[in-house]
Protein backbone atom coordinates (compact mmCIF):
# COMPACT_ATOMS: atom_id res chain seq x y z
CA MET A 1 -24.61 24.10 -0.73
CA GLU A 2 -25.92 20.76 -1.20
CA GLY A 3 -27.55 18.50 1.04
CA ARG A 4 -26.18 14.95 0.97
CA LEU A 5 -28.05 11.59 2.15
CA TRP A 6 -25.56 8.58 3.02
CA GLY A 7 -25.14 5.95 5.80
CA TYR A 8 -23.65 2.69 6.59
CA TYR A 9 -25.39 -0.51 6.74
CA TYR A 10 -24.26 -3.79 8.15
CA ASP A 11 -24.95 -6.98 6.31
CA ALA A 12 -25.23 -10.22 8.49
CA VAL A 13 -24.84 -12.43 5.41
CA THR A 14 -21.21 -10.81 4.40
CA LYS A 15 -20.66 -9.47 7.97
CA ALA A 16 -19.47 -6.26 6.00
CA ASN A 17 -20.68 -2.85 6.12
CA TYR A 18 -21.99 -0.93 2.77
CA THR A 19 -22.16 2.56 2.39
CA PHE A 20 -25.78 3.66 1.20
CA MET A 21 -25.66 6.69 -0.68
CA VAL A 22 -27.79 8.81 -2.74
CA PRO A 23 -26.02 10.31 -5.92
CA ALA A 24 -25.97 14.06 -6.65
CA GLY A 25 -26.28 13.63 -10.56
CA ASN A 26 -28.50 10.96 -11.93
CA PRO A 27 -29.87 8.57 -9.03
CA PRO A 28 -31.47 5.43 -9.96
CA ALA A 29 -35.03 4.78 -10.24
CA ALA A 30 -37.10 3.98 -7.32
CA GLY A 31 -36.84 0.38 -6.52
CA GLU A 32 -33.50 -0.04 -8.22
CA ILE A 33 -29.92 0.21 -6.52
CA VAL A 34 -26.41 0.33 -8.26
CA VAL A 35 -23.76 -1.73 -6.34
CA GLY A 36 -20.14 -1.66 -6.23
CA PRO A 37 -17.85 -4.39 -7.74
CA ALA A 38 -16.56 -5.90 -4.38
CA LEU A 39 -20.31 -5.82 -3.26
CA GLU A 40 -21.14 -7.79 -6.80
CA ARG A 41 -18.74 -10.34 -5.96
CA SER A 42 -19.72 -10.91 -2.38
CA ARG A 43 -23.31 -11.53 -2.94
CA GLY A 44 -22.90 -13.20 -6.57
CA LEU A 45 -24.87 -10.48 -8.11
CA ALA A 46 -25.61 -9.39 -11.78
CA LYS A 47 -27.79 -6.71 -13.46
CA ASP A 48 -31.31 -7.17 -12.98
CA ASN A 49 -30.90 -9.43 -9.95
CA GLY A 50 -32.95 -8.89 -6.94
CA ILE A 51 -31.49 -8.12 -3.57
CA SER A 52 -33.11 -7.82 -0.30
CA PHE A 53 -31.80 -5.59 2.82
CA ARG A 54 -33.55 -5.77 6.26
CA SER A 55 -33.47 -1.93 7.73
CA TYR A 56 -33.11 -1.44 11.59
CA SER A 57 -36.63 -1.39 11.97
CA GLY A 58 -37.07 -4.89 10.91
CA LYS A 59 -38.53 -4.49 7.69
CA LEU A 60 -37.70 -6.29 4.50
CA HIS A 61 -36.76 -4.09 1.52
CA THR A 62 -36.10 -5.46 -2.11
CA PHE A 63 -34.15 -3.90 -4.70
CA ILE A 64 -33.39 -4.46 -8.43
CA VAL A 65 -29.79 -4.06 -9.23
CA ALA A 66 -29.75 -1.95 -11.99
CA GLY A 67 -25.82 -1.52 -12.76
CA VAL A 68 -22.55 -2.53 -11.44
CA LEU A 69 -20.04 0.62 -10.76
CA PRO A 70 -16.85 0.46 -13.14
CA GLN A 71 -14.26 -1.69 -12.06
CA ALA A 72 -11.67 1.17 -12.69
CA SER A 73 -13.49 2.86 -9.58
CA GLU A 74 -13.37 -0.10 -7.10
CA LEU A 75 -10.96 1.27 -4.73
CA VAL A 76 -13.31 4.04 -3.73
CA SER A 77 -16.59 2.15 -4.66
CA ALA A 78 -15.97 -1.33 -3.69
CA ASP A 79 -18.87 -1.31 -1.06
CA LEU A 80 -20.96 1.54 -2.55
CA VAL A 81 -24.87 1.16 -2.94
CA LEU A 82 -26.50 3.80 -4.68
CA MET A 83 -30.11 4.46 -4.57
CA SER A 84 -32.81 7.01 -5.02
CA GLU A 85 -33.66 9.41 -2.32
CA GLN A 86 -37.35 7.86 -1.78
CA ASN A 87 -35.82 4.59 -1.23
CA PHE A 88 -32.78 5.87 1.08
CA ARG A 89 -35.57 7.61 3.22
CA ALA A 90 -37.91 4.77 3.57
CA PHE A 91 -35.15 2.34 4.27
CA PHE A 92 -33.77 4.59 7.05
CA ASP A 93 -36.71 5.98 8.12
CA TYR A 94 -35.12 9.18 7.35
CA PRO A 95 -37.86 12.48 7.36
CA VAL A 96 -38.33 14.36 4.47
CA GLY A 97 -36.19 18.03 4.62
CA HIS A 98 -33.32 16.35 6.80
CA TYR A 99 -30.09 15.63 5.45
CA THR A 100 -27.02 13.29 6.82
CA ASP A 101 -24.62 16.37 6.13
CA ILE A 102 -24.07 19.17 4.06
CA ALA A 103 -21.42 19.94 1.19
CA LEU A 104 -20.59 23.73 0.93
CA SER A 105 -18.26 24.96 -2.04
CA VAL A 106 -16.22 27.84 -1.26
CA ALA A 107 -15.00 29.95 -4.51
CA ASN A 108 -12.07 31.28 -2.67
CA PRO A 109 -9.70 28.34 -1.52
CA GLN A 110 -7.94 30.80 0.75
CA GLU A 111 -11.38 31.69 2.71
CA VAL A 112 -12.35 27.69 3.15
CA ARG A 113 -10.83 27.59 6.89
CA ASN A 114 -12.49 31.26 7.76
CA VAL A 115 -15.62 30.17 6.75
CA ALA A 116 -15.44 26.85 8.49
CA ILE A 117 -14.73 28.93 11.74
CA LYS A 118 -17.44 30.92 11.20
CA LEU A 119 -19.98 28.03 10.51
CA ALA A 120 -18.70 26.53 13.90
CA ALA A 121 -19.38 29.66 15.72
CA ALA A 122 -22.68 30.07 14.21
CA LEU A 123 -23.87 26.71 14.86
CA PRO A 124 -22.05 25.08 18.07
CA ASP A 125 -23.58 21.38 17.35
CA ALA A 126 -22.21 21.35 13.84
CA ARG A 127 -18.58 19.69 12.86
CA PRO A 128 -17.32 21.53 9.88
CA ILE A 129 -14.47 19.06 7.82
CA LEU A 130 -12.19 20.39 5.29
CA ARG A 131 -11.58 18.43 2.11
CA ASP A 132 -7.62 18.85 3.24
CA GLU A 133 -8.78 17.46 6.62
CA VAL A 134 -9.92 14.36 5.19
CA LEU A 135 -6.88 13.92 2.61
CA ARG A 136 -4.80 14.55 5.57
CA THR A 137 -6.56 11.55 7.63
CA TYR A 138 -6.19 9.00 4.77
CA ALA A 139 -2.65 9.73 4.14
CA SER A 140 -1.68 9.39 7.96
CA ILE A 141 -3.82 5.95 7.99
CA TYR A 142 -1.30 4.81 5.11
CA ASP A 143 1.64 6.39 6.41
CA TRP A 144 1.08 4.15 9.59
CA ARG A 145 0.26 1.14 7.56
CA GLU A 146 3.74 1.71 5.81
CA GLY A 147 5.34 1.86 9.11
CA ILE A 148 3.83 -1.64 10.04
CA VAL A 149 5.51 -3.20 6.68
CA LEU A 150 8.70 -1.40 7.46
CA ALA A 151 8.76 -3.03 10.91
CA LEU A 152 8.16 -6.27 9.05
CA LEU A 153 11.12 -5.83 7.04
CA SER A 154 13.35 -4.31 9.54
CA ALA A 155 14.47 -7.92 10.37
CA ALA A 156 15.59 -8.25 6.69
CA ILE A 157 17.65 -4.92 7.04
CA LEU A 158 18.92 -6.07 9.97
CA ALA A 159 20.21 -9.33 8.50
CA PHE A 160 21.81 -7.65 5.72
CA GLY A 161 23.66 -5.30 8.31
CA ILE A 162 24.72 -8.25 9.97
CA LEU A 163 26.25 -9.87 6.51
CA ALA A 164 27.97 -6.69 5.63
CA TRP A 165 29.29 -6.27 9.29
CA GLU A 166 30.40 -9.98 9.12
CA LYS A 167 32.25 -9.49 5.79
CA ALA A 168 34.00 -6.40 6.73
CA SER A 169 35.08 -7.72 10.27
CA GLY A 170 37.40 -10.54 8.64
CA LEU A 171 37.72 -13.30 6.15
CA SER A 172 37.29 -17.09 6.57
CA ALA A 173 40.07 -19.39 6.63
CA GLU A 174 39.33 -20.85 3.20
CA GLU A 175 39.21 -17.06 1.99
CA LYS A 176 42.71 -16.49 3.38
CA ARG A 177 44.14 -19.80 2.14
CA GLU A 178 42.59 -18.82 -1.47
CA ILE A 179 44.37 -15.40 -1.01
CA GLY A 180 47.49 -16.83 -0.24
CA ILE A 181 47.73 -19.53 -3.03
CA LEU A 182 47.05 -16.66 -5.61
CA LYS A 183 50.03 -14.50 -3.73
CA ALA A 184 52.14 -17.41 -3.74
CA ILE A 185 51.95 -18.22 -7.49
CA GLY A 186 52.90 -14.76 -8.40
CA TRP A 187 49.58 -12.55 -8.21
CA GLU A 188 50.06 -9.10 -7.15
CA THR A 189 48.27 -7.29 -4.44
CA GLY A 190 46.33 -5.06 -6.48
CA ASP A 191 45.51 -8.08 -8.73
CA VAL A 192 44.02 -9.91 -5.82
CA ILE A 193 42.17 -6.80 -4.31
CA LYS A 194 40.57 -6.28 -7.82
CA MET A 195 39.38 -9.74 -8.36
CA LYS A 196 37.75 -10.25 -4.84
CA PHE A 197 36.08 -6.64 -5.19
CA TRP A 198 34.65 -7.63 -8.78
CA GLU A 199 33.33 -10.94 -7.08
CA GLY A 200 31.85 -9.25 -4.28
CA LEU A 201 30.52 -6.74 -6.89
CA LEU A 202 29.19 -9.82 -9.02
CA ILE A 203 27.46 -11.45 -6.10
CA SER A 204 25.59 -8.42 -4.58
CA LEU A 205 24.67 -7.03 -8.09
CA THR A 206 23.49 -10.46 -8.92
CA ALA A 207 21.31 -10.49 -5.72
CA PHE A 208 20.04 -6.95 -6.15
CA LEU A 209 18.84 -7.55 -9.65
CA ALA A 210 17.25 -10.85 -8.42
CA GLY A 211 15.24 -9.22 -5.61
CA PHE A 212 14.31 -6.26 -7.92
CA VAL A 213 12.74 -8.63 -10.67
CA ALA A 214 10.98 -10.50 -7.68
CA ALA A 215 9.68 -7.41 -6.38
CA TYR A 216 8.34 -5.98 -9.48
CA VAL A 217 6.87 -9.52 -10.35
CA HIS A 218 5.12 -9.88 -6.70
CA VAL A 219 3.89 -5.99 -6.89
CA PHE A 220 2.74 -5.83 -10.60
CA HIS A 221 1.49 -9.19 -11.50
CA PHE A 222 0.70 -10.50 -8.09
CA ALA A 223 -0.80 -7.04 -6.65
CA ALA A 224 1.25 -7.37 -3.66
CA SER A 225 -0.40 -10.31 -2.17
CA LEU A 226 2.16 -10.52 0.96
CA PHE A 227 1.44 -6.77 1.95
CA GLU A 228 -2.03 -6.26 0.54
CA PRO A 229 -3.96 -7.14 3.96
CA VAL A 230 -1.68 -4.53 5.72
CA LEU A 231 -1.76 -1.92 3.06
CA LYS A 232 -5.48 -2.39 2.34
CA GLY A 233 -6.60 -2.80 5.73
CA TRP A 234 -8.92 -5.33 7.72
CA ALA A 235 -11.93 -4.89 5.94
CA VAL A 236 -14.33 -7.78 4.80
CA LEU A 237 -14.63 -6.64 1.27
CA TYR A 238 -11.34 -6.04 -0.37
CA PRO A 239 -10.99 -4.07 -3.42
CA ARG A 240 -9.63 -5.59 -6.33
CA PHE A 241 -7.33 -3.17 -8.52
CA GLN A 242 -4.29 -3.53 -10.73
CA LEU A 243 -1.27 -1.37 -10.20
CA THR A 244 0.10 0.59 -13.24
CA PRO A 245 3.75 -0.57 -13.57
CA HIS A 246 6.29 2.43 -13.09
CA ILE A 247 9.71 2.57 -11.93
CA ASP A 248 11.27 5.32 -10.06
CA GLY A 249 15.11 5.66 -11.38
CA LEU A 250 15.90 7.89 -8.09
CA GLN A 251 14.57 5.32 -5.86
CA VAL A 252 16.21 2.33 -7.87
CA ALA A 253 19.52 4.11 -7.63
CA THR A 254 19.25 5.05 -4.19
CA LEU A 255 18.61 1.28 -3.27
CA PHE A 256 21.32 0.04 -5.00
CA PHE A 257 23.49 2.79 -3.56
CA PHE A 258 23.02 1.54 0.04
CA THR A 259 22.71 -2.27 -0.62
CA VAL A 260 25.07 -3.18 -3.25
CA VAL A 261 28.04 -0.77 -2.79
CA PRO A 262 28.13 -0.99 1.05
CA TYR A 263 28.57 -5.09 0.37
CA ALA A 264 30.90 -4.41 -1.99
CA ALA A 265 33.18 -2.00 0.05
CA ALA A 266 32.84 -4.01 2.97
CA VAL A 267 34.97 -6.82 1.39
CA LEU A 268 38.17 -4.36 0.56
CA VAL A 269 39.57 -3.97 3.90
CA PRO A 270 39.91 -7.73 5.19
CA ILE A 271 40.93 -8.44 1.56
CA TRP A 272 43.78 -6.02 1.72
CA LYS A 273 45.16 -7.17 5.16
CA ALA A 274 45.27 -10.81 4.11
CA ALA A 275 46.90 -9.76 0.21
CA ILE A 276 49.66 -7.61 2.08
CA THR A 277 50.51 -10.81 4.48
CA ASP A 278 53.07 -13.33 3.67
CA PRO A 279 51.51 -16.24 1.62
CA ASP A 280 53.34 -18.70 3.65
CA SER A 281 51.77 -17.19 6.80
CA VAL A 282 48.28 -16.86 5.33
CA MET A 283 48.36 -20.73 3.98
CA ARG A 284 49.72 -21.85 7.47
CA GLY A 285 46.63 -19.89 9.29
């Protein structure tokens, strides 16, 4: 069991909330703080710089920046401010012997929920929060944001469906005339179908590869800048992190199957109808 000290602080300069916390391991010395990378950028800080925060009581507290947290941890430490217990209690006017919450470790993972139930019964004013509940909350938040992105992309999916339906419903007069000319100069029905099928497959495959390359560059080289505000939320301090390039073969194959194959197959029926029709009738319309 370990008592923890942490709290939120609103900075009127950046109009952002910071998380002040006393680390469990090696806290900074009195009068010093360690800041997150996003806070460093927003306030133009560097090591050994001084920064002042006005507490809720109106008193001004000045700290020296002893260090900046690693860039690799920015996703979880962008707005973090680490300080000593003495500075935390003085800044928030928090009495000695009191803690914001208590972290409890249970040796048997199967008994975590039972321990939480017993704590809630023994301490009605306490609110036990399990690690699994926190993880589920974060997962649901990101699932909700994925739903927003999917809603935005539904217009593109609808446009693709309309295009495939238009191709399956019939050919244009120019395409019918082209097939009629090919039949008139001696092409067999099977040859026309093969040629048009490979033509549609080439067009859809080219579009698929172009879109896949553009998406790869957008996500892994431009950090998904179009979707970044939705996926990261609407906070003031945005974390910066570089995604590790990774391609899931199953996802690519599934996307290929549901885009290239339907478009290529949609052209077969109208082409077959035009190919078995008398060439003179096709060319005359």
